[in-house]
PDB file of N, CA and C in Angstrom:
ATOM      1  N   MET A   1      28.791  73.915  72.990  1.00  0.00           N
ATOM      2  CA  MET A   1      28.326  74.327  74.295  1.00  0.00           C
ATOM      3  C   MET A   1      26.859  74.705  74.184  1.00  0.00           C
ATOM      4  N   CYS A   2      26.113  74.401  75.219  1.00  0.00           N
ATOM      5  CA  CYS A   2      24.688  74.734  75.177  1.00  0.00           C
ATOM      6  C   CYS A   2      24.521  76.246  75.153  1.00  0.00           C
ATOM      7  N   ALA A   3      23.556  76.716  74.383  1.00  0.00           N
ATOM      8  CA  ALA A   3      23.343  78.148  74.175  1.00  0.00           C
ATOM      9  C   ALA A   3      23.082  78.882  75.491  1.00  0.00           C
ATOM     10  N   GLU A   4      22.362  78.242  76.390  1.00  0.00           N
ATOM     11  CA  GLU A   4      22.053  78.888  77.672  1.00  0.00           C
ATOM     12  C   GLU A   4      23.331  79.213  78.445  1.00  0.00           C
ATOM     13  N   TRP A   5      24.257  78.273  78.493  1.00  0.00           N
ATOM     14  CA  TRP A   5      25.521  78.508  79.201  1.00  0.00           C
ATOM     15  C   TRP A   5      26.345  79.570  78.487  1.00  0.00           C
ATOM     16  N   TYR A   6      26.318  79.540  77.157  1.00  0.00           N
ATOM     17  CA  TYR A   6      27.116  80.482  76.375  1.00  0.00           C
ATOM     18  C   TYR A   6      26.624  81.922  76.560  1.00  0.00           C
ATOM     19  N   PHE A   7      25.318  82.099  76.461  1.00  0.00           N
ATOM     20  CA  PHE A   7      24.762  83.454  76.521  1.00  0.00           C
ATOM     21  C   PHE A   7      24.494  83.946  77.949  1.00  0.00           C
ATOM     22  N   TYR A   8      24.374  83.007  78.888  1.00  0.00           N
ATOM     23  CA  TYR A   8      24.094  83.367  80.283  1.00  0.00           C
ATOM     24  C   TYR A   8      25.072  82.624  81.203  1.00  0.00           C
ATOM     25  N   PRO A   9      26.317  83.077  81.279  1.00  0.00           N
ATOM     26  CA  PRO A   9      27.339  82.390  82.093  1.00  0.00           C
ATOM     27  C   PRO A   9      26.910  82.167  83.538  1.00  0.00           C
ATOM     28  N   GLN A  10      26.094  83.056  84.078  1.00  0.00           N
ATOM     29  CA  GLN A  10      25.641  82.893  85.462  1.00  0.00           C
ATOM     30  C   GLN A  10      24.839  81.598  85.624  1.00  0.00           C
ATOM     31  N   ARG A  11      24.099  81.219  84.599  1.00  0.00           N
ATOM     32  CA  ARG A  11      23.330  79.964  84.652  1.00  0.00           C
ATOM     33  C   ARG A  11      24.268  78.763  84.688  1.00  0.00           C
ATOM     34  N   PHE A  12      25.401  78.847  83.962  1.00  0.00           N
ATOM     35  CA  PHE A  12      26.395  77.767  84.041  1.00  0.00           C
ATOM     36  C   PHE A  12      26.960  77.689  85.459  1.00  0.00           C
ATOM     37  N   ILE A  13      27.278  78.823  86.047  1.00  0.00           N
ATOM     38  CA  ILE A  13      27.833  78.840  87.407  1.00  0.00           C
ATOM     39  C   ILE A  13      26.833  78.231  88.387  1.00  0.00           C
ATOM     40  N   GLU A  14      25.578  78.600  88.265  1.00  0.00           N
ATOM     41  CA  GLU A  14      24.539  78.034  89.137  1.00  0.00           C
ATOM     42  C   GLU A  14      24.440  76.523  88.948  1.00  0.00           C
ATOM     43  N   TRP A  15      24.447  76.075  87.693  1.00  0.00           N
ATOM     44  CA  TRP A  15      24.385  74.634  87.411  1.00  0.00           C
ATOM     45  C   TRP A  15      25.589  73.932  88.032  1.00  0.00           C
ATOM     46  N   ALA A  16      26.765  74.507  87.850  1.00  0.00           N
ATOM     47  CA  ALA A  16      27.993  73.896  88.371  1.00  0.00           C
ATOM     48  C   ALA A  16      27.923  73.743  89.885  1.00  0.00           C
ATOM     49  N   LEU A  17      27.503  74.760  90.580  1.00  0.00           N
ATOM     50  CA  LEU A  17      27.421  74.707  92.040  1.00  0.00           C
ATOM     51  C   LEU A  17      26.396  73.684  92.521  1.00  0.00           C
ATOM     52  N   GLU A  18      25.357  73.466  91.730  1.00  0.00           N
ATOM     53  CA  GLU A  18      24.316  72.499  92.095  1.00  0.00           C
ATOM     54  C   GLU A  18      24.649  71.075  91.657  1.00  0.00           C
ATOM     55  N   ASN A  19      25.712  70.914  90.843  1.00  0.00           N
ATOM     56  CA  ASN A  19      25.997  69.603  90.253  1.00  0.00           C
ATOM     57  C   ASN A  19      27.402  69.103  90.504  1.00  0.00           C
ATOM     58  N   GLY A  20      27.916  69.363  91.678  1.00  0.00           N
ATOM     59  CA  GLY A  20      29.151  68.710  92.094  1.00  0.00           C
ATOM     60  C   GLY A  20      30.445  69.451  91.874  1.00  0.00           C
ATOM     61  N   TRP A  21      30.406  70.709  91.417  1.00  0.00           N
ATOM     62  CA  TRP A  21      31.660  71.422  91.242  1.00  0.00           C
ATOM     63  C   TRP A  21      32.373  71.531  92.575  1.00  0.00           C
ATOM     64  N   GLY A  22      33.688  71.381  92.535  1.00  0.00           N
ATOM     65  CA  GLY A  22      34.516  71.542  93.720  1.00  0.00           C
ATOM     66  C   GLY A  22      35.914  71.944  93.307  1.00  0.00           C
ATOM     67  N   GLU A  23      36.649  72.484  94.244  1.00  0.00           N
ATOM     68  CA  GLU A  23      38.033  72.902  93.994  1.00  0.00           C
ATOM     69  C   GLU A  23      38.831  71.734  93.428  1.00  0.00           C
ATOM     70  N   GLY A  24      39.518  71.965  92.316  1.00  0.00           N
ATOM     71  CA  GLY A  24      40.369  70.939  91.722  1.00  0.00           C
ATOM     72  C   GLY A  24      39.657  70.001  90.755  1.00  0.00           C
ATOM     73  N   LEU A  25      38.340  70.129  90.597  1.00  0.00           N
ATOM     74  CA  LEU A  25      37.623  69.259  89.668  1.00  0.00           C
ATOM     75  C   LEU A  25      37.550  69.912  88.293  1.00  0.00           C
ATOM     76  N   GLU A  26      37.368  69.080  87.277  1.00  0.00           N
ATOM     77  CA  GLU A  26      37.272  69.540  85.896  1.00  0.00           C
ATOM     78  C   GLU A  26      35.924  69.131  85.329  1.00  0.00           C
ATOM     79  N   ILE A  27      35.431  69.913  84.382  1.00  0.00           N
ATOM     80  CA  ILE A  27      34.198  69.533  83.702  1.00  0.00           C
ATOM     81  C   ILE A  27      34.540  68.446  82.680  1.00  0.00           C
ATOM     82  N   ASP A  28      33.661  67.455  82.573  1.00  0.00           N
ATOM     83  CA  ASP A  28      33.893  66.303  81.706  1.00  0.00           C
ATOM     84  C   ASP A  28      32.607  65.975  80.977  1.00  0.00           C
ATOM     85  N   ARG A  29      32.734  65.628  79.699  1.00  0.00           N
ATOM     86  CA  ARG A  29      31.570  65.157  78.944  1.00  0.00           C
ATOM     87  C   ARG A  29      31.431  63.659  79.161  1.00  0.00           C
ATOM     88  N   ILE A  30      30.284  63.213  79.574  1.00  0.00           N
ATOM     89  CA  ILE A  30      30.028  61.790  79.790  1.00  0.00           C
ATOM     90  C   ILE A  30      30.173  61.050  78.467  1.00  0.00           C
ATOM     91  N   ASN A  31      29.568  61.570  77.421  1.00  0.00           N
ATOM     92  CA  ASN A  31      29.697  61.023  76.071  1.00  0.00           C
ATOM     93  C   ASN A  31      30.612  61.965  75.298  1.00  0.00           C
ATOM     94  N   ASN A  32      31.815  61.518  74.963  1.00  0.00           N
ATOM     95  CA  ASN A  32      32.787  62.373  74.290  1.00  0.00           C
ATOM     96  C   ASN A  32      32.330  62.854  72.919  1.00  0.00           C
ATOM     97  N   ASP A  33      31.377  62.179  72.326  1.00  0.00           N
ATOM     98  CA  ASP A  33      30.871  62.608  71.027  1.00  0.00           C
ATOM     99  C   ASP A  33      29.756  63.633  71.161  1.00  0.00           C
ATOM    100  N   GLY A  34      29.290  63.856  72.391  1.00  0.00           N
ATOM    101  CA  GLY A  34      28.234  64.827  72.642  1.00  0.00           C
ATOM    102  C   GLY A  34      28.807  66.196  72.970  1.00  0.00           C
ATOM    103  N   ASN A  35      27.936  67.173  73.051  1.00  0.00           N
ATOM    104  CA  ASN A  35      28.343  68.542  73.344  1.00  0.00           C
ATOM    105  C   ASN A  35      28.319  68.818  74.841  1.00  0.00           C
ATOM    106  N   TYR A  36      28.761  70.013  75.194  1.00  0.00           N
ATOM    107  CA  TYR A  36      28.716  70.465  76.582  1.00  0.00           C
ATOM    108  C   TYR A  36      27.324  71.011  76.870  1.00  0.00           C
ATOM    109  N   TYR A  37      26.486  70.176  77.470  1.00  0.00           N
ATOM    110  CA  TYR A  37      25.164  70.592  77.896  1.00  0.00           C
ATOM    111  C   TYR A  37      24.869  69.852  79.196  1.00  0.00           C
ATOM    112  N   PRO A  38      23.941  70.329  80.000  1.00  0.00           N
ATOM    113  CA  PRO A  38      23.764  69.793  81.351  1.00  0.00           C
ATOM    114  C   PRO A  38      23.645  68.276  81.454  1.00  0.00           C
ATOM    115  N   GLU A  39      22.904  67.653  80.563  1.00  0.00           N
ATOM    116  CA  GLU A  39      22.688  66.207  80.660  1.00  0.00           C
ATOM    117  C   GLU A  39      23.931  65.398  80.319  1.00  0.00           C
ATOM    118  N   ASN A  40      24.935  66.023  79.693  1.00  0.00           N
ATOM    119  CA  ASN A  40      26.121  65.302  79.251  1.00  0.00           C
ATOM    120  C   ASN A  40      27.389  65.726  80.014  1.00  0.00           C
ATOM    121  N   CYS A  41      27.233  66.522  81.060  1.00  0.00           N
ATOM    122  CA  CYS A  41      28.411  67.016  81.779  1.00  0.00           C
ATOM    123  C   CYS A  41      28.392  66.613  83.245  1.00  0.00           C
ATOM    124  N   ARG A  42      29.582  66.529  83.795  1.00  0.00           N
ATOM    125  CA  ARG A  42      29.776  66.218  85.212  1.00  0.00           C
ATOM    126  C   ARG A  42      31.128  66.782  85.621  1.00  0.00           C
ATOM    127  N   PHE A  43      31.402  66.785  86.908  1.00  0.00           N
ATOM    128  CA  PHE A  43      32.690  67.242  87.415  1.00  0.00           C
ATOM    129  C   PHE A  43      33.455  66.041  87.946  1.00  0.00           C
ATOM    130  N   VAL A  44      34.719  65.924  87.516  1.00  0.00           N
ATOM    131  CA  VAL A  44      35.547  64.783  87.882  1.00  0.00           C
ATOM    132  C   VAL A  44      36.975  65.256  88.166  1.00  0.00           C
ATOM    133  N   THR A  45      37.785  64.353  88.710  1.00  0.00           N
ATOM    134  CA  THR A  45      39.190  64.659  88.920  1.00  0.00           C
ATOM    135  C   THR A  45      39.919  64.620  87.579  1.00  0.00           C
ATOM    136  N   ARG A  46      41.114  65.152  87.538  1.00  0.00           N
ATOM    137  CA  ARG A  46      41.927  65.128  86.316  1.00  0.00           C
ATOM    138  C   ARG A  46      42.142  63.682  85.850  1.00  0.00           C
ATOM    139  N   GLN A  47      42.403  62.768  86.798  1.00  0.00           N
ATOM    140  CA  GLN A  47      42.639  61.365  86.451  1.00  0.00           C
ATOM    141  C   GLN A  47      41.391  60.738  85.835  1.00  0.00           C
ATOM    142  N   GLU A  48      40.227  60.990  86.419  1.00  0.00           N
ATOM    143  CA  GLU A  48      38.985  60.461  85.863  1.00  0.00           C
ATOM    144  C   GLU A  48      38.730  61.034  84.473  1.00  0.00           C
ATOM    145  N   ASN A  49      39.013  62.312  84.303  1.00  0.00           N
ATOM    146  CA  ASN A  49      38.818  62.963  83.014  1.00  0.00           C
ATOM    147  C   ASN A  49      39.716  62.334  81.951  1.00  0.00           C
ATOM    148  N   ALA A  50      40.950  62.049  82.323  1.00  0.00           N
ATOM    149  CA  ALA A  50      41.894  61.440  81.377  1.00  0.00           C
ATOM    150  C   ALA A  50      41.449  60.040  80.970  1.00  0.00           C
ATOM    151  N   CYS A  51      40.780  59.341  81.879  1.00  0.00           N
ATOM    152  CA  CYS A  51      40.332  57.981  81.571  1.00  0.00           C
ATOM    153  C   CYS A  51      39.081  57.958  80.698  1.00  0.00           C
ATOM    154  N   ASN A  52      38.311  59.027  80.721  1.00  0.00           N
ATOM    155  CA  ASN A  52      37.093  59.080  79.924  1.00  0.00           C
ATOM    156  C   ASN A  52      37.410  59.679  78.560  1.00  0.00           C
ATOM    157  N   GLN A  53      37.944  58.858  77.700  1.00  0.00           N
ATOM    158  CA  GLN A  53      38.266  59.301  76.356  1.00  0.00           C
ATOM    159  C   GLN A  53      37.838  58.248  75.360  1.00  0.00           C
ATOM    160  N   ARG A  54      37.823  58.620  74.113  1.00  0.00           N
ATOM    161  CA  ARG A  54      37.436  57.659  73.081  1.00  0.00           C
ATOM    162  C   ARG A  54      38.332  56.433  73.171  1.00  0.00           C
ATOM    163  N   LEU A  55      37.767  55.289  72.889  1.00  0.00           N
ATOM    164  CA  LEU A  55      38.562  54.073  72.961  1.00  0.00           C
ATOM    165  C   LEU A  55      39.727  54.113  71.990  1.00  0.00           C
ATOM    166  N   LEU A  56      39.503  54.640  70.812  1.00  0.00           N
ATOM    167  CA  LEU A  56      40.573  54.718  69.825  1.00  0.00           C
ATOM    168  C   LEU A  56      40.651  56.126  69.262  1.00  0.00           C
ATOM    169  N   GLN A  57      41.843  56.653  69.177  1.00  0.00           N
ATOM    170  CA  GLN A  57      42.047  57.963  68.595  1.00  0.00           C
ATOM    171  C   GLN A  57      41.895  57.867  67.073  1.00  0.00           C
ATOM    172  N   ALA A  58      41.639  58.975  66.426  1.00  0.00           N
ATOM    173  CA  ALA A  58      41.390  58.993  64.981  1.00  0.00           C
ATOM    174  C   ALA A  58      42.584  58.476  64.186  1.00  0.00           C
ATOM    175  N   HIS A  59      43.801  58.692  64.673  1.00  0.00           N
ATOM    176  CA  HIS A  59      44.994  58.283  63.929  1.00  0.00           C
ATOM    177  C   HIS A  59      45.438  56.849  64.253  1.00  0.00           C
ATOM    178  N   ASN A  60      44.667  56.117  65.038  1.00  0.00           N
ATOM    179  CA  ASN A  60      45.026  54.746  65.408  1.00  0.00           C
ATOM    180  C   ASN A  60      44.936  53.829  64.193  1.00  0.00           C
ATOM    181  N   THR A  61      46.010  53.065  63.940  1.00  0.00           N
ATOM    182  CA  THR A  61      46.015  52.155  62.789  1.00  0.00           C
ATOM    183  C   THR A  61      45.992  50.684  63.194  1.00  0.00           C
ATOM    184  N   SER A  62      46.226  50.386  64.484  1.00  0.00           N
ATOM    185  CA  SER A  62      46.263  48.988  64.922  1.00  0.00           C
ATOM    186  C   SER A  62      44.876  48.449  65.223  1.00  0.00           C
ATOM    187  N   GLY A  63      43.944  49.342  65.550  1.00  0.00           N
ATOM    188  CA  GLY A  63      42.625  48.897  65.977  1.00  0.00           C
ATOM    189  C   GLY A  63      42.566  48.635  67.465  1.00  0.00           C
ATOM    190  N   PHE A  64      43.664  48.851  68.188  1.00  0.00           N
ATOM    191  CA  PHE A  64      43.725  48.602  69.628  1.00  0.00           C
ATOM    192  C   PHE A  64      44.336  49.788  70.360  1.00  0.00           C
ATOM    193  N   ARG A  65      43.928  49.945  71.581  1.00  0.00           N
ATOM    194  CA  ARG A  65      44.443  50.990  72.463  1.00  0.00           C
ATOM    195  C   ARG A  65      45.868  50.639  72.896  1.00  0.00           C
ATOM    196  N   GLY A  66      46.804  51.615  72.772  1.00  0.00           N
ATOM    197  CA  GLY A  66      48.168  51.441  73.254  1.00  0.00           C
ATOM    198  C   GLY A  66      49.077  50.631  72.351  1.00  0.00           C
ATOM    199  N   ILE A  67      48.656  50.382  71.128  1.00  0.00           N
ATOM    200  CA  ILE A  67      49.410  49.509  70.218  1.00  0.00           C
ATOM    201  C   ILE A  67      49.784  50.263  68.946  1.00  0.00           C
ATOM    202  N   SER A  68      51.040  50.098  68.527  1.00  0.00           N
ATOM    203  CA  SER A  68      51.495  50.714  67.277  1.00  0.00           C
ATOM    204  C   SER A  68      52.489  49.772  66.589  1.00  0.00           C
ATOM    205  N   TRP A  69      52.662  49.998  65.305  1.00  0.00           N
ATOM    206  CA  TRP A  69      53.580  49.183  64.516  1.00  0.00           C
ATOM    207  C   TRP A  69      54.975  49.787  64.594  1.00  0.00           C
ATOM    208  N   ASP A  70      55.966  48.977  64.973  1.00  0.00           N
ATOM    209  CA  ASP A  70      57.360  49.415  65.019  1.00  0.00           C
ATOM    210  C   ASP A  70      58.011  48.992  63.706  1.00  0.00           C
ATOM    211  N   LYS A  71      58.203  49.955  62.793  1.00  0.00           N
ATOM    212  CA  LYS A  71      58.757  49.658  61.465  1.00  0.00           C
ATOM    213  C   LYS A  71      60.162  49.082  61.560  1.00  0.00           C
ATOM    214  N   ARG A  72      60.968  49.610  62.460  1.00  0.00           N
ATOM    215  CA  ARG A  72      62.363  49.144  62.573  1.00  0.00           C
ATOM    216  C   ARG A  72      62.449  47.697  63.042  1.00  0.00           C
ATOM    217  N   LYS A  73      61.573  47.309  63.953  1.00  0.00           N
ATOM    218  CA  LYS A  73      61.603  45.943  64.507  1.00  0.00           C
ATOM    219  C   LYS A  73      60.677  44.997  63.756  1.00  0.00           C
ATOM    220  N   GLY A  74      59.745  45.546  62.999  1.00  0.00           N
ATOM    221  CA  GLY A  74      58.814  44.705  62.257  1.00  0.00           C
ATOM    222  C   GLY A  74      57.848  43.956  63.160  1.00  0.00           C
ATOM    223  N   GLN A  75      57.485  44.575  64.287  1.00  0.00           N
ATOM    224  CA  GLN A  75      56.546  43.949  65.224  1.00  0.00           C
ATOM    225  C   GLN A  75      55.628  45.013  65.820  1.00  0.00           C
ATOM    226  N   TRP A  76      54.598  44.537  66.495  1.00  0.00           N
ATOM    227  CA  TRP A  76      53.664  45.422  67.180  1.00  0.00           C
ATOM    228  C   TRP A  76      54.212  45.783  68.546  1.00  0.00           C
ATOM    229  N   GLN A  77      54.176  47.061  68.853  1.00  0.00           N
ATOM    230  CA  GLN A  77      54.673  47.565  70.136  1.00  0.00           C
ATOM    231  C   GLN A  77      53.506  47.885  71.055  1.00  0.00           C
ATOM    232  N   SER A  78      53.624  47.476  72.311  1.00  0.00           N
ATOM    233  CA  SER A  78      52.618  47.794  73.318  1.00  0.00           C
ATOM    234  C   SER A  78      53.225  48.775  74.305  1.00  0.00           C
ATOM    235  N   GLN A  79      52.484  49.850  74.593  1.00  0.00           N
ATOM    236  CA  GLN A  79      52.940  50.821  75.584  1.00  0.00           C
ATOM    237  C   GLN A  79      51.736  51.437  76.271  1.00  0.00           C
ATOM    238  N   ILE A  80      51.969  51.962  77.465  1.00  0.00           N
ATOM    239  CA  ILE A  80      50.894  52.566  78.246  1.00  0.00           C
ATOM    240  C   ILE A  80      51.423  53.833  78.905  1.00  0.00           C
ATOM    241  N   LYS A  81      50.598  54.832  79.002  1.00  0.00           N
ATOM    242  CA  LYS A  81      51.008  56.101  79.612  1.00  0.00           C
ATOM    243  C   LYS A  81      50.677  56.068  81.100  1.00  0.00           C
ATOM    244  N   VAL A  82      51.696  56.278  81.933  1.00  0.00           N
ATOM    245  CA  VAL A  82      51.532  56.280  83.381  1.00  0.00           C
ATOM    246  C   VAL A  82      52.196  57.537  83.928  1.00  0.00           C
ATOM    247  N   ASN A  83      51.444  58.342  84.653  1.00  0.00           N
ATOM    248  CA  ASN A  83      51.956  59.588  85.227  1.00  0.00           C
ATOM    249  C   ASN A  83      52.632  60.469  84.178  1.00  0.00           C
ATOM    250  N   GLY A  84      52.018  60.548  82.996  1.00  0.00           N
ATOM    251  CA  GLY A  84      52.508  61.423  81.946  1.00  0.00           C
ATOM    252  C   GLY A  84      53.680  60.885  81.137  1.00  0.00           C
ATOM    253  N   LYS A  85      54.133  59.662  81.432  1.00  0.00           N
ATOM    254  CA  LYS A  85      55.259  59.074  80.695  1.00  0.00           C
ATOM    255  C   LYS A  85      54.854  57.723  80.125  1.00  0.00           C
ATOM    256  N   TYR A  86      55.397  57.421  78.940  1.00  0.00           N
ATOM    257  CA  TYR A  86      55.080  56.139  78.314  1.00  0.00           C
ATOM    258  C   TYR A  86      55.953  55.031  78.888  1.00  0.00           C
ATOM    259  N   LYS A  87      55.301  53.896  79.188  1.00  0.00           N
ATOM    260  CA  LYS A  87      55.989  52.712  79.694  1.00  0.00           C
ATOM    261  C   LYS A  87      55.931  51.655  78.592  1.00  0.00           C
ATOM    262  N   PHE A  88      57.111  51.221  78.134  1.00  0.00           N
ATOM    263  CA  PHE A  88      57.217  50.205  77.092  1.00  0.00           C
ATOM    264  C   PHE A  88      56.830  48.852  77.684  1.00  0.00           C
ATOM    265  N   LEU A  89      55.924  48.131  77.005  1.00  0.00           N
ATOM    266  CA  LEU A  89      55.450  46.840  77.507  1.00  0.00           C
ATOM    267  C   LEU A  89      55.933  45.653  76.686  1.00  0.00           C
ATOM    268  N   GLY A  90      56.553  45.916  75.543  1.00  0.00           N
ATOM    269  CA  GLY A  90      57.093  44.822  74.753  1.00  0.00           C
ATOM    270  C   GLY A  90      56.718  44.882  73.285  1.00  0.00           C
ATOM    271  N   LEU A  91      57.379  43.997  72.520  1.00  0.00           N
ATOM    272  CA  LEU A  91      57.113  43.822  71.090  1.00  0.00           C
ATOM    273  C   LEU A  91      56.445  42.473  70.884  1.00  0.00           C
ATOM    274  N   PHE A  92      55.493  42.426  69.948  1.00  0.00           N
ATOM    275  CA  PHE A  92      54.708  41.210  69.757  1.00  0.00           C
ATOM    276  C   PHE A  92      54.491  40.951  68.267  1.00  0.00           C
ATOM    277  N   LYS A  93      54.305  39.677  67.925  1.00  0.00           N
ATOM    278  CA  LYS A  93      54.103  39.282  66.531  1.00  0.00           C
ATOM    279  C   LYS A  93      52.725  39.682  66.014  1.00  0.00           C
ATOM    280  N   SER A  94      51.753  39.852  66.932  1.00  0.00           N
ATOM    281  CA  SER A  94      50.408  40.257  66.498  1.00  0.00           C
ATOM    282  C   SER A  94      49.922  41.437  67.339  1.00  0.00           C
ATOM    283  N   ALA A  95      49.073  42.247  66.725  1.00  0.00           N
ATOM    284  CA  ALA A  95      48.488  43.385  67.433  1.00  0.00           C
ATOM    285  C   ALA A  95      47.606  42.899  68.579  1.00  0.00           C
ATOM    286  N   LYS A  96      46.964  41.756  68.388  1.00  0.00           N
ATOM    287  CA  LYS A  96      46.077  41.220  69.420  1.00  0.00           C
ATOM    288  C   LYS A  96      46.860  40.836  70.678  1.00  0.00           C
ATOM    289  N   LEU A  97      48.010  40.197  70.515  1.00  0.00           N
ATOM    290  CA  LEU A  97      48.837  39.852  71.671  1.00  0.00           C
ATOM    291  C   LEU A  97      49.344  41.111  72.374  1.00  0.00           C
ATOM    292  N   ALA A  98      49.735  42.101  71.597  1.00  0.00           N
ATOM    293  CA  ALA A  98      50.198  43.361  72.175  1.00  0.00           C
ATOM    294  C   ALA A  98      49.065  44.025  72.961  1.00  0.00           C
ATOM    295  N   ALA A  99      47.846  43.965  72.429  1.00  0.00           N
ATOM    296  CA  ALA A  99      46.689  44.556  73.096  1.00  0.00           C
ATOM    297  C   ALA A  99      46.364  43.822  74.393  1.00  0.00           C
ATOM    298  N   LEU A 100      46.530  42.523  74.398  1.00  0.00           N
ATOM    299  CA  LEU A 100      46.319  41.757  75.639  1.00  0.00           C
ATOM    300  C   LEU A 100      47.324  42.172  76.705  1.00  0.00           C
ATOM    301  N   ARG A 101      48.569  42.396  76.293  1.00  0.00           N
ATOM    302  CA  ARG A 101      49.594  42.844  77.246  1.00  0.00           C
ATOM    303  C   ARG A 101      49.234  44.208  77.809  1.00  0.00           C
ATOM    304  N   TYR A 102      48.743  45.101  76.958  1.00  0.00           N
ATOM    305  CA  TYR A 102      48.293  46.415  77.400  1.00  0.00           C
ATOM    306  C   TYR A 102      47.186  46.267  78.454  1.00  0.00           C
ATOM    307  N   ASP A 103      46.216  45.400  78.168  1.00  0.00           N
ATOM    308  CA  ASP A 103      45.098  45.211  79.085  1.00  0.00           C
ATOM    309  C   ASP A 103      45.552  44.703  80.444  1.00  0.00           C
ATOM    310  N   VAL A 104      46.502  43.796  80.464  1.00  0.00           N
ATOM    311  CA  VAL A 104      47.015  43.286  81.744  1.00  0.00           C
ATOM    312  C   VAL A 104      47.587  44.435  82.562  1.00  0.00           C
ATOM    313  N   GLU A 105      48.400  45.275  81.927  1.00  0.00           N
ATOM    314  CA  GLU A 105      49.007  46.409  82.636  1.00  0.00           C
ATOM    315  C   GLU A 105      47.944  47.397  83.106  1.00  0.00           C
ATOM    316  N   ALA A 106      46.982  47.701  82.249  1.00  0.00           N
ATOM    317  CA  ALA A 106      45.908  48.629  82.616  1.00  0.00           C
ATOM    318  C   ALA A 106      45.081  48.066  83.773  1.00  0.00           C
ATOM    319  N   PHE A 107      44.833  46.773  83.744  1.00  0.00           N
ATOM    320  CA  PHE A 107      44.072  46.130  84.822  1.00  0.00           C
ATOM    321  C   PHE A 107      44.825  46.237  86.142  1.00  0.00           C
ATOM    322  N   LEU A 108      46.125  45.998  86.108  1.00  0.00           N
ATOM    323  CA  LEU A 108      46.938  46.074  87.327  1.00  0.00           C
ATOM    324  C   LEU A 108      47.028  47.501  87.867  1.00  0.00           C
ATOM    325  N   LEU A 109      47.028  48.488  86.982  1.00  0.00           N
ATOM    326  CA  LEU A 109      47.055  49.882  87.429  1.00  0.00           C
ATOM    327  C   LEU A 109      45.770  50.245  88.165  1.00  0.00           C
ATOM    328  N   ASP A 110      44.661  49.612  87.771  1.00  0.00           N
ATOM    329  CA  ASP A 110      43.369  49.769  88.437  1.00  0.00           C
ATOM    330  C   ASP A 110      42.970  51.236  88.619  1.00  0.00           C
ATOM    331  N   ASP A 111      43.127  52.031  87.555  1.00  0.00           N
ATOM    332  CA  ASP A 111      42.773  53.445  87.640  1.00  0.00           C
ATOM    333  C   ASP A 111      41.561  53.794  86.779  1.00  0.00           C
ATOM    334  N   GLY A 112      40.863  52.782  86.287  1.00  0.00           N
ATOM    335  CA  GLY A 112      39.627  53.002  85.559  1.00  0.00           C
ATOM    336  C   GLY A 112      39.766  53.270  84.076  1.00  0.00           C
ATOM    337  N   ARG A 113      41.005  53.206  83.560  1.00  0.00           N
ATOM    338  CA  ARG A 113      41.171  53.502  82.137  1.00  0.00           C
ATOM    339  C   ARG A 113      40.543  52.408  81.276  1.00  0.00           C
ATOM    340  N   PRO A 114      40.056  52.783  80.083  1.00  0.00           N
ATOM    341  CA  PRO A 114      39.473  51.779  79.174  1.00  0.00           C
ATOM    342  C   PRO A 114      40.523  50.784  78.698  1.00  0.00           C
ATOM    343  N   MET A 115      40.072  49.581  78.396  1.00  0.00           N
ATOM    344  CA  MET A 115      40.965  48.532  77.916  1.00  0.00           C
ATOM    345  C   MET A 115      40.451  47.989  76.588  1.00  0.00           C
ATOM    346  N   ASN A 116      41.209  47.118  75.983  1.00  0.00           N
ATOM    347  CA  ASN A 116      40.850  46.553  74.687  1.00  0.00           C
ATOM    348  C   ASN A 116      39.866  45.395  74.785  1.00  0.00           C
ATOM    349  N   PHE A 117      40.124  44.465  75.697  1.00  0.00           N
ATOM    350  CA  PHE A 117      39.296  43.257  75.797  1.00  0.00           C
ATOM    351  C   PHE A 117      38.666  43.077  77.178  1.00  0.00           C
ATOM    352  N   ILE A 118      39.419  43.375  78.208  1.00  0.00           N
ATOM    353  CA  ILE A 118      38.968  43.127  79.579  1.00  0.00           C
ATOM    354  C   ILE A 118      37.938  44.169  79.979  1.00  0.00           C
ATOM    355  N   GLU A 119      36.833  43.711  80.568  1.00  0.00           N
ATOM    356  CA  GLU A 119      35.829  44.618  81.097  1.00  0.00           C
ATOM    357  C   GLU A 119      35.862  44.528  82.607  1.00  0.00           C
ATOM    358  N   ARG A 120      35.820  45.657  83.262  1.00  0.00           N
ATOM    359  CA  ARG A 120      35.823  45.693  84.725  1.00  0.00           C
ATOM    360  C   ARG A 120      34.451  45.311  85.247  1.00  0.00           C
ATOM    361  N   ALA A 121      34.451  44.620  86.385  1.00  0.00           N
ATOM    362  CA  ALA A 121      33.200  44.297  87.040  1.00  0.00           C
ATOM    363  C   ALA A 121      32.596  45.565  87.625  1.00  0.00           C
ATOM    364  N   ALA A 122      31.299  45.681  87.535  1.00  0.00           N
ATOM    365  CA  ALA A 122      30.624  46.893  88.043  1.00  0.00           C
ATOM    366  C   ALA A 122      30.534  46.894  89.547  1.00  0.00           C
TER     367      ALA A 122
END
């Protein structure tokens, strides 16, 4: 957190009121690898905040978003989280095919979440 906000909370409140704070919004870091400082923060909805995350979590072993190895089935599993619950998308012989299936589902949901291959038009 930026030292000014930490030592002078009133300055954070002033910044928040001048930079889009509203009831029900959350503070979000534009660059997840950056700190909480004015140039890297904004206010967004919970859904927008959930979508702004690292493309791959540290424990990811497939190299793709939403893909994991199913030891029992011996195939790659594709799944996506929707409304707090995981939706099974299928088993695939390759991680790349599973990732493509994930992207199709994410594209159809159209909620702004990051994908593996597909890029949204600006």
